[in-house]
Protein backbone atom coordinates (compact mmCIF):
# COMPACT_ATOMS: atom_id res chain seq x y z
CA MET A 1 78.85 70.14 117.26
CA LEU A 2 75.41 72.25 116.37
CA ASP A 3 75.74 74.11 118.91
CA LEU A 4 79.24 75.32 118.27
CA LEU A 5 78.15 75.58 114.90
CA ASN A 6 75.38 77.61 115.84
CA ASP A 7 77.05 80.06 117.56
CA LEU A 8 79.87 80.45 115.61
CA LEU A 9 77.77 81.35 112.33
CA TRP A 10 75.35 83.21 114.22
CA SER A 11 76.61 84.84 116.82
CA LYS A 12 79.97 85.81 114.62
CA VAL A 13 80.37 85.41 111.66
CA LEU A 14 77.11 86.21 109.80
CA ILE A 15 76.22 89.26 112.45
CA VAL A 16 79.74 91.19 110.83
CA VAL A 17 78.51 89.97 106.82
CA LEU A 18 74.59 90.78 107.37
CA ILE A 19 75.28 94.51 109.33
CA GLY A 20 78.24 94.98 106.90
CA LEU A 21 76.83 94.19 103.34
CA GLY A 22 73.68 96.22 104.60
CA LEU A 23 75.27 99.42 105.13
CA TRP A 24 77.57 98.77 101.96
CA PHE A 25 74.14 98.84 100.50
CA THR A 26 72.34 101.49 102.25
CA ILE A 27 75.49 103.71 101.33
CA GLY A 28 76.38 102.54 97.87
CA SER A 29 72.32 103.24 97.31
CA ARG A 30 72.20 106.31 98.17
CA PHE A 31 69.79 105.11 101.06
CA VAL A 32 67.43 103.65 99.21
CA GLN A 33 65.07 102.17 101.56
CA PHE A 34 64.28 106.11 102.69
CA ARG A 35 64.22 107.40 99.15
CA TYR A 36 61.67 105.50 97.89
CA PHE A 37 59.36 104.81 101.06
CA GLY A 38 56.91 106.43 100.39
CA ARG A 39 56.58 105.39 96.60
CA MET A 40 56.05 101.76 98.43
CA PHE A 41 52.43 102.47 98.79
CA ARG A 42 51.77 103.80 95.66
CA ILE A 43 53.95 101.12 93.61
CA LEU A 44 51.45 98.25 95.09
CA GLY A 45 48.66 100.62 94.19
CA ALA A 46 49.70 100.74 90.95
CA ASN A 47 50.96 97.22 90.17
CA GLN A 48 48.37 95.69 91.53
CA ALA A 49 46.37 97.39 88.37
CA PHE A 50 48.94 95.94 86.31
CA SER A 51 48.10 92.73 87.24
CA ARG A 52 45.29 90.46 85.55
CA ASP A 53 44.32 87.05 87.08
CA GLN A 54 43.11 86.10 83.64
CA HIS A 55 46.62 85.94 82.38
CA GLY A 56 47.63 83.97 85.21
CA HIS A 57 50.33 85.99 87.09
CA LEU A 58 50.58 87.54 90.34
CA SER A 59 50.62 90.52 91.27
CA SER A 60 52.67 92.69 93.70
CA PHE A 61 50.46 92.56 96.64
CA GLN A 62 50.36 88.61 96.80
CA ALA A 63 54.18 88.34 96.15
CA LEU A 64 54.28 90.92 99.39
CA MET A 65 51.69 88.84 101.18
CA LEU A 66 53.65 85.98 100.78
CA SER A 67 56.59 87.43 101.36
CA VAL A 68 55.74 88.67 104.89
CA ALA A 69 53.87 85.25 106.07
CA GLY A 70 57.46 83.69 105.75
CA ARG A 71 58.90 87.02 107.96
CA VAL A 72 56.31 87.40 110.83
CA GLY A 73 56.20 83.92 113.25
CA GLY A 74 57.05 82.88 116.56
CA GLY A 75 59.96 85.29 116.41
CA ASN A 76 57.86 88.70 116.47
CA ILE A 77 56.22 86.59 119.14
CA ALA A 78 58.75 84.37 121.35
CA GLY A 79 61.91 86.11 119.95
CA VAL A 80 61.44 89.57 121.06
CA ALA A 81 59.83 88.78 124.55
CA VAL A 82 64.08 86.39 124.21
CA ALA A 83 65.42 89.80 123.56
CA ILE A 84 64.26 91.77 125.71
CA THR A 85 64.99 89.46 129.05
CA VAL A 86 68.55 88.98 127.57
CA GLY A 87 69.64 91.96 126.45
CA GLY A 88 67.05 94.41 128.31
CA PRO A 89 64.66 97.40 126.44
CA GLY A 90 67.38 98.37 124.70
CA ALA A 91 67.64 95.07 121.82
CA ILE A 92 64.40 96.35 120.84
CA PHE A 93 66.12 99.40 119.54
CA TRP A 94 69.03 97.36 117.78
CA MET A 95 66.27 95.44 116.53
CA TRP A 96 65.03 98.48 114.74
CA VAL A 97 68.34 99.67 113.18
CA VAL A 98 69.33 95.98 111.71
CA GLY A 99 65.14 96.69 110.24
CA LEU A 100 66.23 99.59 108.75
CA ILE A 101 69.39 98.23 107.12
CA GLY A 102 67.77 95.24 106.46
CA MET A 103 65.81 97.02 104.00
CA ALA A 104 68.53 97.56 101.85
CA THR A 105 69.41 94.70 101.50
CA SER A 106 66.33 93.30 101.45
CA TYR A 107 65.72 95.65 98.14
CA PHE A 108 69.01 94.13 96.45
CA GLU A 109 68.10 90.31 96.41
CA CYS A 110 64.71 91.33 95.42
CA THR A 111 64.86 92.87 92.45
CA LEU A 112 68.22 90.57 91.59
CA ALA A 113 65.15 87.74 92.25
CA GLN A 114 63.17 89.78 89.70
CA ALA A 115 65.30 90.81 87.24
CA TYR A 116 67.18 87.55 87.06
CA LYS A 117 63.45 85.34 86.82
CA LYS A 118 62.40 82.46 84.57
CA ALA A 119 58.81 82.63 82.83
CA GLU A 120 57.14 79.54 83.00
CA PRO A 121 54.57 78.21 80.41
CA ASP A 122 51.78 78.77 82.33
CA GLY A 123 51.49 82.20 83.00
CA THR A 124 53.60 82.56 86.89
CA TYR A 125 57.69 82.84 87.07
CA ARG A 126 60.42 81.33 88.94
CA GLY A 127 63.08 82.62 90.38
CA GLY A 128 65.47 83.29 93.35
CA PRO A 129 69.24 83.58 94.54
CA ALA A 130 70.09 79.96 92.81
CA HIS A 131 68.42 81.56 89.28
CA TYR A 132 70.79 84.78 90.04
CA ILE A 133 73.44 83.23 90.90
CA ALA A 134 73.73 80.54 88.05
CA ARG A 135 72.31 82.84 85.40
CA GLY A 136 74.28 86.89 87.09
CA MET A 137 77.24 84.66 87.93
CA GLY A 138 77.92 82.84 85.21
CA ALA A 139 78.23 78.80 84.53
CA LYS A 140 80.95 78.22 86.20
CA TRP A 141 79.15 78.95 89.96
CA LYS A 142 76.43 77.02 89.02
CA TRP A 143 77.00 74.27 91.22
CA LEU A 144 76.67 77.02 94.05
CA GLY A 145 73.01 77.59 92.96
CA ALA A 146 72.39 73.95 93.50
CA VAL A 147 73.94 73.67 96.63
CA TYR A 148 72.05 76.53 97.93
CA SER A 149 68.44 74.97 96.17
CA VAL A 150 69.06 71.66 98.33
CA LEU A 151 70.08 74.32 100.71
CA LEU A 152 66.83 75.75 100.69
CA LEU A 153 64.62 72.17 99.93
CA VAL A 154 66.54 71.30 103.67
CA THR A 155 65.80 73.82 105.90
CA PHE A 156 62.75 75.40 104.24
CA GLY A 157 60.83 72.75 102.71
CA PHE A 158 61.42 70.14 105.00
CA GLY A 159 63.26 71.07 108.41
CA PHE A 160 61.29 74.59 109.18
CA THR A 161 57.81 72.87 108.22
CA ALA A 162 57.63 70.28 110.66
CA LEU A 163 58.67 72.69 112.92
CA GLN A 164 56.20 75.17 112.46
CA SER A 165 53.64 72.30 112.75
CA TYR A 166 54.86 71.42 115.97
CA SER A 167 54.74 74.99 117.02
CA VAL A 168 51.18 75.41 115.65
CA ALA A 169 49.73 72.30 116.97
CA THR A 170 51.26 73.17 120.67
CA SER A 171 49.27 76.73 120.43
CA PHE A 172 46.53 74.96 119.55
CA GLU A 173 47.00 73.02 122.81
CA ASP A 174 47.61 75.55 124.94
CA ALA A 175 44.47 77.87 124.32
CA PHE A 176 41.90 75.05 123.73
CA GLY A 177 42.89 71.40 124.93
CA ILE A 178 42.97 70.25 121.39
CA PRO A 179 45.75 67.11 121.27
CA VAL A 180 48.09 67.86 118.39
CA LEU A 181 47.59 64.70 117.09
CA VAL A 182 44.05 66.13 115.92
CA THR A 183 45.88 69.76 115.12
CA GLY A 184 48.24 67.72 113.10
CA ALA A 185 45.47 65.79 110.85
CA ALA A 186 43.78 68.65 110.42
CA LEU A 187 46.68 70.40 109.70
CA ALA A 188 48.13 68.25 107.36
CA LEU A 189 45.01 68.27 105.48
CA ILE A 190 44.41 72.08 105.06
CA ILE A 191 48.09 72.53 103.74
CA GLY A 192 47.66 69.92 101.02
CA VAL A 193 44.25 71.53 99.72
CA ILE A 194 46.51 75.00 99.72
CA VAL A 195 50.22 73.60 98.43
CA PHE A 196 47.90 70.68 95.69
CA GLY A 197 46.18 74.12 94.32
CA GLY A 198 49.98 75.56 92.91
CA VAL A 199 51.67 78.87 93.72
CA LYS A 200 48.37 80.78 93.08
CA ARG A 201 46.58 79.07 95.87
CA ILE A 202 49.12 79.42 98.14
CA ALA A 203 49.13 83.06 96.87
CA LYS A 204 45.81 83.38 97.73
CA ALA A 205 45.62 81.89 100.91
CA ALA A 206 48.65 84.19 102.39
CA GLU A 207 46.32 87.04 100.37
CA VAL A 208 43.96 86.83 103.09
CA LEU A 209 44.94 85.58 106.42
CA VAL A 210 48.22 87.12 106.37
CA PRO A 211 46.48 90.97 106.49
CA VAL A 212 43.86 88.77 108.90
CA MET A 213 46.58 88.22 111.24
CA ALA A 214 49.18 90.78 111.19
CA ILE A 215 46.33 93.88 111.63
CA GLY A 216 44.43 91.91 114.24
CA TYR A 217 47.94 91.95 116.21
CA LEU A 218 48.67 95.57 115.89
CA LEU A 219 44.84 96.75 116.49
CA ILE A 220 45.79 94.67 120.37
CA ALA A 221 49.28 96.40 120.41
CA LEU A 222 47.33 99.67 120.00
CA VAL A 223 44.63 98.90 122.44
CA VAL A 224 47.54 98.75 124.29
CA ILE A 225 49.48 101.62 123.80
CA VAL A 226 46.04 103.91 124.10
CA LEU A 227 45.63 102.02 127.68
CA ASN A 228 48.85 103.32 128.66
CA VAL A 229 49.56 106.48 126.14
CA ASP A 230 51.13 108.49 129.49
CA GLN A 231 54.08 105.96 129.41
CA ILE A 232 54.07 105.96 125.99
CA PRO A 233 57.56 108.78 126.70
CA ALA A 234 58.62 106.62 129.62
CA VAL A 235 59.35 103.46 127.61
CA LEU A 236 60.92 105.60 124.30
CA THR A 237 63.79 106.78 126.43
CA LEU A 238 63.91 103.56 128.32
CA ILE A 239 64.23 101.43 124.81
CA VAL A 240 67.22 104.15 123.70
CA LYS A 241 68.84 104.43 127.12
CA SER A 242 69.52 100.85 127.38
CA ALA A 243 70.76 100.76 124.10
CA PHE A 244 73.50 102.74 125.23
CA GLY A 245 74.12 101.05 128.72
CA LEU A 246 72.67 104.05 130.10
CA GLU A 247 70.08 101.65 131.99
CA PRO A 248 69.83 98.79 133.77
CA ALA A 249 69.65 95.53 131.81
CA VAL A 250 69.86 91.74 132.88
CA GLY A 251 73.00 89.63 131.30
CA GLY A 252 75.62 92.21 129.74
CA GLY A 253 74.42 95.25 129.45
CA ILE A 254 74.65 97.39 126.63
CA GLY A 255 76.87 94.24 124.57
CA ALA A 256 73.84 91.92 125.98
CA ALA A 257 71.79 94.43 123.82
CA ILE A 258 72.85 94.92 120.58
CA LEU A 259 73.80 91.14 120.82
CA MET A 260 70.46 90.11 120.93
CA GLY A 261 68.48 92.94 119.49
CA VAL A 262 71.24 92.47 116.46
CA LYS A 263 70.24 88.13 116.56
CA ARG A 264 66.69 88.83 116.53
CA GLY A 265 66.18 91.57 114.36
CA LEU A 266 67.90 89.17 112.05
CA PHE A 267 66.12 86.32 112.47
CA SER A 268 63.09 87.67 111.91
CA ASN A 269 63.14 89.55 109.25
CA GLU A 270 65.28 87.30 107.60
CA ALA A 271 66.67 89.87 105.36
CA GLY A 272 69.60 88.64 103.21
CA LEU A 273 69.50 84.71 104.08
CA GLY A 274 67.82 84.44 100.49
CA SER A 275 64.26 82.92 101.46
CA ALA A 276 62.55 86.50 100.34
CA PRO A 277 63.50 86.56 96.91
CA ASN A 278 62.16 83.42 95.78
CA VAL A 279 58.81 85.31 96.37
CA ALA A 280 59.83 88.30 95.66
CA ALA A 281 60.47 86.88 91.79
CA VAL A 282 57.00 85.13 91.20
CA ALA A 283 54.85 89.26 90.87
CA TYR A 284 54.09 90.05 87.48
CA VAL A 285 55.38 93.80 87.39
CA PRO A 286 56.83 96.07 85.37
CA HIS A 287 60.37 96.56 86.79
CA PRO A 288 62.59 95.08 88.94
CA ALA A 289 62.90 97.73 91.45
CA SER A 290 59.53 98.23 91.69
CA GLN A 291 59.42 94.87 93.57
CA GLY A 292 62.72 95.02 95.92
CA ILE A 293 60.70 98.51 96.83
CA VAL A 294 57.89 96.32 98.05
CA GLN A 295 60.00 93.75 99.30
CA ALA A 296 61.43 96.81 101.31
CA PHE A 297 58.78 97.30 102.93
CA SER A 298 58.38 93.78 104.21
CA VAL A 299 61.12 94.21 106.25
CA PHE A 300 59.43 97.47 107.93
CA ILE A 301 56.39 95.92 108.32
CA ASP A 302 57.99 92.31 110.37
CA THR A 303 60.59 94.21 112.49
CA LEU A 304 59.01 98.13 112.45
CA ILE A 305 55.87 97.44 112.81
CA LEU A 306 54.75 93.84 114.25
CA CYS A 307 58.28 93.32 116.67
CA SER A 308 56.93 96.89 117.89
CA CYS A 309 54.30 95.75 118.62
CA THR A 310 55.49 92.71 121.02
CA ALA A 311 57.75 95.27 122.37
CA PHE A 312 55.37 97.65 123.55
CA ILE A 313 52.95 94.65 124.86
CA ILE A 314 55.42 93.69 127.49
CA LEU A 315 57.50 96.96 128.39
CA LEU A 316 53.65 98.49 129.13
CA GLY A 317 52.56 95.48 131.13
CA THR A 318 54.29 95.10 134.72
CA VAL A 319 55.03 91.46 134.35
CA TYR A 320 58.46 92.20 133.14
CA GLU A 321 61.32 94.79 135.28
CA PRO A 322 63.70 96.23 133.16
CA GLY A 323 66.95 95.34 135.14
CA VAL A 324 64.84 92.41 137.44
CA SER A 325 65.97 88.79 136.69
CA THR A 326 62.88 87.12 135.82
CA ASP A 327 61.66 83.16 135.38
CA ILE A 328 58.94 83.91 132.61
CA GLY A 329 60.15 84.19 129.07
CA GLY A 330 59.41 83.37 125.40
CA VAL A 331 56.13 83.47 124.25
CA ALA A 332 54.79 83.15 128.26
CA LEU A 333 56.00 86.17 128.75
CA THR A 334 54.33 87.95 126.09
CA GLN A 335 51.13 85.76 127.39
CA ALA A 336 51.24 87.23 130.63
CA SER A 337 51.66 91.19 129.97
CA LEU A 338 48.89 90.98 127.68
CA ALA A 339 46.69 89.35 130.31
CA SER A 340 47.95 92.46 132.69
CA HIS A 341 46.52 94.97 130.35
CA VAL A 342 43.45 93.40 129.26
CA GLY A 343 42.73 90.27 131.40
CA GLU A 344 43.22 86.80 130.92
CA TRP A 345 42.10 86.32 127.33
CA GLY A 346 45.12 88.28 126.51
CA ARG A 347 46.82 84.48 127.27
CA ILE A 348 44.36 82.94 124.57
CA PHE A 349 44.59 85.24 122.06
CA VAL A 350 48.51 85.07 122.13
CA SER A 351 48.51 81.67 121.33
CA ILE A 352 46.01 82.16 118.44
CA ALA A 353 48.55 84.49 117.10
CA LEU A 354 51.26 82.39 116.84
CA MET A 355 49.48 79.91 115.39
CA LEU A 356 48.38 82.23 112.67
CA PHE A 357 51.75 83.08 112.23
CA GLY A 358 53.13 79.37 112.57
CA PHE A 359 50.29 78.58 109.79
CA THR A 360 50.97 81.10 107.27
CA THR A 361 54.56 80.74 107.69
CA ILE A 362 54.09 76.94 107.15
CA ILE A 363 52.34 77.88 103.93
CA TYR A 364 55.33 79.92 102.78
CA ASN A 365 57.94 77.16 103.54
CA CYS A 366 56.13 74.52 101.02
CA TYR A 367 56.52 77.53 98.21
CA LEU A 368 60.20 77.90 98.93
CA GLY A 369 60.25 73.47 99.11
CA GLU A 370 58.69 73.70 95.28
CA ASN A 371 60.42 76.48 94.03
CA SER A 372 64.07 74.89 95.07
CA LEU A 373 63.14 71.90 93.07
CA SER A 374 62.62 73.77 90.06
CA PHE A 375 66.34 74.97 89.99
CA PHE A 376 66.82 71.28 88.60
CA SER A 377 64.36 70.32 86.14
CA ASP A 378 62.09 72.59 83.82
CA ASP A 379 59.39 69.36 83.86
CA ASN A 380 59.55 69.19 87.50
CA ARG A 381 56.40 68.06 88.16
CA PRO A 382 56.34 64.43 89.17
CA LEU A 383 59.25 66.02 91.79
CA VAL A 384 56.99 68.45 92.95
CA THR A 385 53.87 66.47 93.48
CA ALA A 386 56.73 63.47 95.50
CA TYR A 387 57.08 66.89 97.65
CA ARG A 388 54.11 67.92 98.37
CA LEU A 389 53.01 64.31 99.76
CA VAL A 390 56.32 64.57 101.84
CA ALA A 391 55.17 68.22 103.17
CA ILE A 392 52.08 66.80 104.26
CA VAL A 393 53.25 64.34 106.13
CA LEU A 394 55.97 66.18 107.61
CA CYS A 395 52.82 68.63 108.51
CA GLY A 396 51.06 65.56 111.06
CA TRP A 397 54.48 63.89 112.09
CA GLY A 398 55.64 67.19 113.65
CA ALA A 399 52.42 68.36 114.66
CA THR A 400 53.42 65.30 117.35
CA THR A 401 56.99 65.48 118.09
CA ASP A 402 59.19 67.75 119.41
CA LEU A 403 62.59 68.47 116.77
CA GLY A 404 65.16 70.22 119.33
CA THR A 405 67.78 68.36 117.46
CA VAL A 406 65.73 68.99 113.91
CA PHE A 407 65.88 73.19 114.83
CA ALA A 408 69.36 72.77 115.57
CA PHE A 409 70.63 71.54 112.55
CA ALA A 410 68.08 73.48 110.36
CA ASP A 411 70.17 76.66 111.67
CA VAL A 412 73.18 75.09 111.16
CA THR A 413 71.74 74.99 106.70
CA MET A 414 70.24 78.45 106.78
CA GLY A 415 73.57 80.13 108.03
CA PHE A 416 74.94 78.37 105.13
CA LEU A 417 72.28 78.85 102.89
CA ALA A 418 72.99 82.69 104.10
CA LEU A 419 76.59 82.87 103.69
CA ALA A 420 75.93 81.60 100.18
CA ASN A 421 73.39 84.35 98.91
CA LEU A 422 74.94 86.94 100.30
CA LEU A 423 77.97 86.01 98.49
CA ALA A 424 76.35 86.56 95.52
CA LEU A 425 74.77 89.69 96.32
CA ALA A 426 78.16 91.39 97.10
CA VAL A 427 79.47 89.79 93.39
CA LEU A 428 75.71 91.55 91.82
CA PHE A 429 75.80 94.70 93.41
CA LYS A 430 76.54 96.33 90.57
CA SER A 431 74.05 94.64 88.44
CA GLY A 432 71.75 95.95 91.40
CA LEU A 433 72.77 99.32 91.13
CA ARG A 434 72.38 99.70 87.38
CA ILE A 435 68.97 98.34 87.49
CA MET A 436 68.36 100.62 89.86
CA ASN A 437 69.93 103.77 88.40
CA ASP A 438 67.46 102.63 85.76
CA TYR A 439 64.53 102.51 87.74
CA ASP A 440 66.13 106.02 89.08
CA ARG A 441 66.64 107.89 85.82
CA GLN A 442 62.78 107.19 84.48
CA ILE A 443 61.31 108.47 87.65
CA ALA A 444 63.60 111.72 86.72
CA ASP A 445 62.54 111.93 83.33
CA GLY A 446 59.01 112.15 84.61
CA ILE A 447 57.86 108.74 83.81
CA GLU A 448 54.94 107.57 86.66
CA GLU A 449 55.49 103.96 86.07
CA PRO A 450 58.98 102.68 84.85
CA VAL A 451 59.22 100.09 82.88
CA PHE A 452 62.37 97.34 82.41
CA ASP A 453 63.55 97.14 79.23
CA ALA A 454 65.75 93.77 79.17
CA ALA A 455 67.48 94.13 75.69
CA ARG A 456 69.53 96.97 77.53
CA PHE A 457 70.75 94.79 79.57
CA ALA A 458 71.19 91.83 77.25
CA ASP A 459 74.96 91.38 78.81
CA LEU A 460 73.28 90.34 81.89
CA ASN A 461 72.05 87.36 80.79
CA ILE A 462 68.13 88.17 81.30
CA ASP A 463 65.38 85.68 80.19
CA ALA A 464 63.80 88.40 78.16
CA ASP A 465 60.38 86.50 78.03
CA ALA A 466 60.18 86.99 81.37
CA TRP A 467 59.79 90.81 80.37
CA VAL A 468 56.72 90.78 78.07
CA LEU A 469 54.21 93.12 79.09
CA GLU A 470 50.95 91.99 78.17
CA PRO A 471 49.09 93.63 75.38
CA ALA A 472 46.45 95.74 77.70
CA ASP A 473 49.51 96.35 79.67
CA ALA A 474 51.76 97.70 77.37
CA SER A 475 49.25 99.92 75.79
CA GLN A 476 48.69 101.45 79.13
CA VAL A 477 51.77 102.21 79.60
CA LEU A 478 52.27 103.77 76.50
CA THR A 479 49.31 105.53 76.99
CA ALA A 480 50.76 107.38 80.00
CA ARG A 481 54.02 107.96 78.72
CA VAL A 482 52.23 110.09 75.85
CA ARG A 483 50.37 111.73 78.97
CA THR A 484 53.28 112.24 80.17
CA ALA A 485 55.51 114.13 76.89
């Protein structure tokens, strides 16, 4: 039954809905992900200066790193290898296409999460799909927000926390021979220290770990590319030709290439699934659209950069041969391919990378679990404390147990999670466009750093307290506008 539901959701319904809505958002927004691509880097720099720790806020960069921690995981290493072995090199082309389309979806879901965020007494914010469903779609839809929160807790807070723990422990065992029980105990201790520090400590951990792991993996891929630079044109040609059935592929030609590329792309970057908006909402930024633009960039980092790293490591190696069936797949293929470039230490590097990717994803999943509880109560400290204890236990227990059935169940609940979020995005698309147009108008008027005036959107049921600038930042914005005038 679980396999049947998974096949129905992920091979049919969700692929059509995610791609269809992604194209609608792309065209309807006049290709927002491309119009503001260059601005993503400027926004990050400006918003870093805009956020001040003494005010208790999280920066735009911290929120970005936390979302990248969740998007980047085993799918970037094992998932890409599976896509290539089943769908051929052409799957990478369709993965790129899905990533570019998904950037628009991520922009709108994260912009809406920012717009409908709720101010907390400690200076942080809470938000996400459950909040923009309840506030944006109206009181009659609050039940859907509650269902979404339960699904988020079950899927990410419980299921994927335990599963990622197992992935981390087995990676450590493969690389260093350390028993999974030892790794599980250490993992539970470290995760406990981080999650009991709250969202600020979680964000700070991600702010350090994510750049280290992403840059490290990117650097090893660049080494591989430099060592094989003369083969790059041939590999790119192979990817494009295979995408359109012009080269032999294992398992079904162009159909397999499209299906595997789309599925792996969606699994990896999570655009439209509703997980990243929970993180995007925590940032202190002057305008919702600015964080939406930044979060679109996280899809680019995941799919267009890190997934491509794995693809080039495999396709430039000597282990995988297009059109030839192989018994090696998943992580083993990536390990063997990297070893063919740099020697046997490449296998250990991949295990360490998988471990780091899994560890940061656990941190991310723990935050999603906490955030899901915020929907049900303003004073949710007892619930959060109980959840943190459960998460610690899951990290220790999950490390020692192969949870194949749990994984299948979590995939099903994630599918329903995505459907709830996509329904909300379709209903709230016009509201998202209004917010985007407000940002566009201010940019067209020469305003370097657009500011969101919640009073102009009173009909959207937005929490005005979440959009009050700190005095120093309000003065900074005023000064900048005077200079512009």
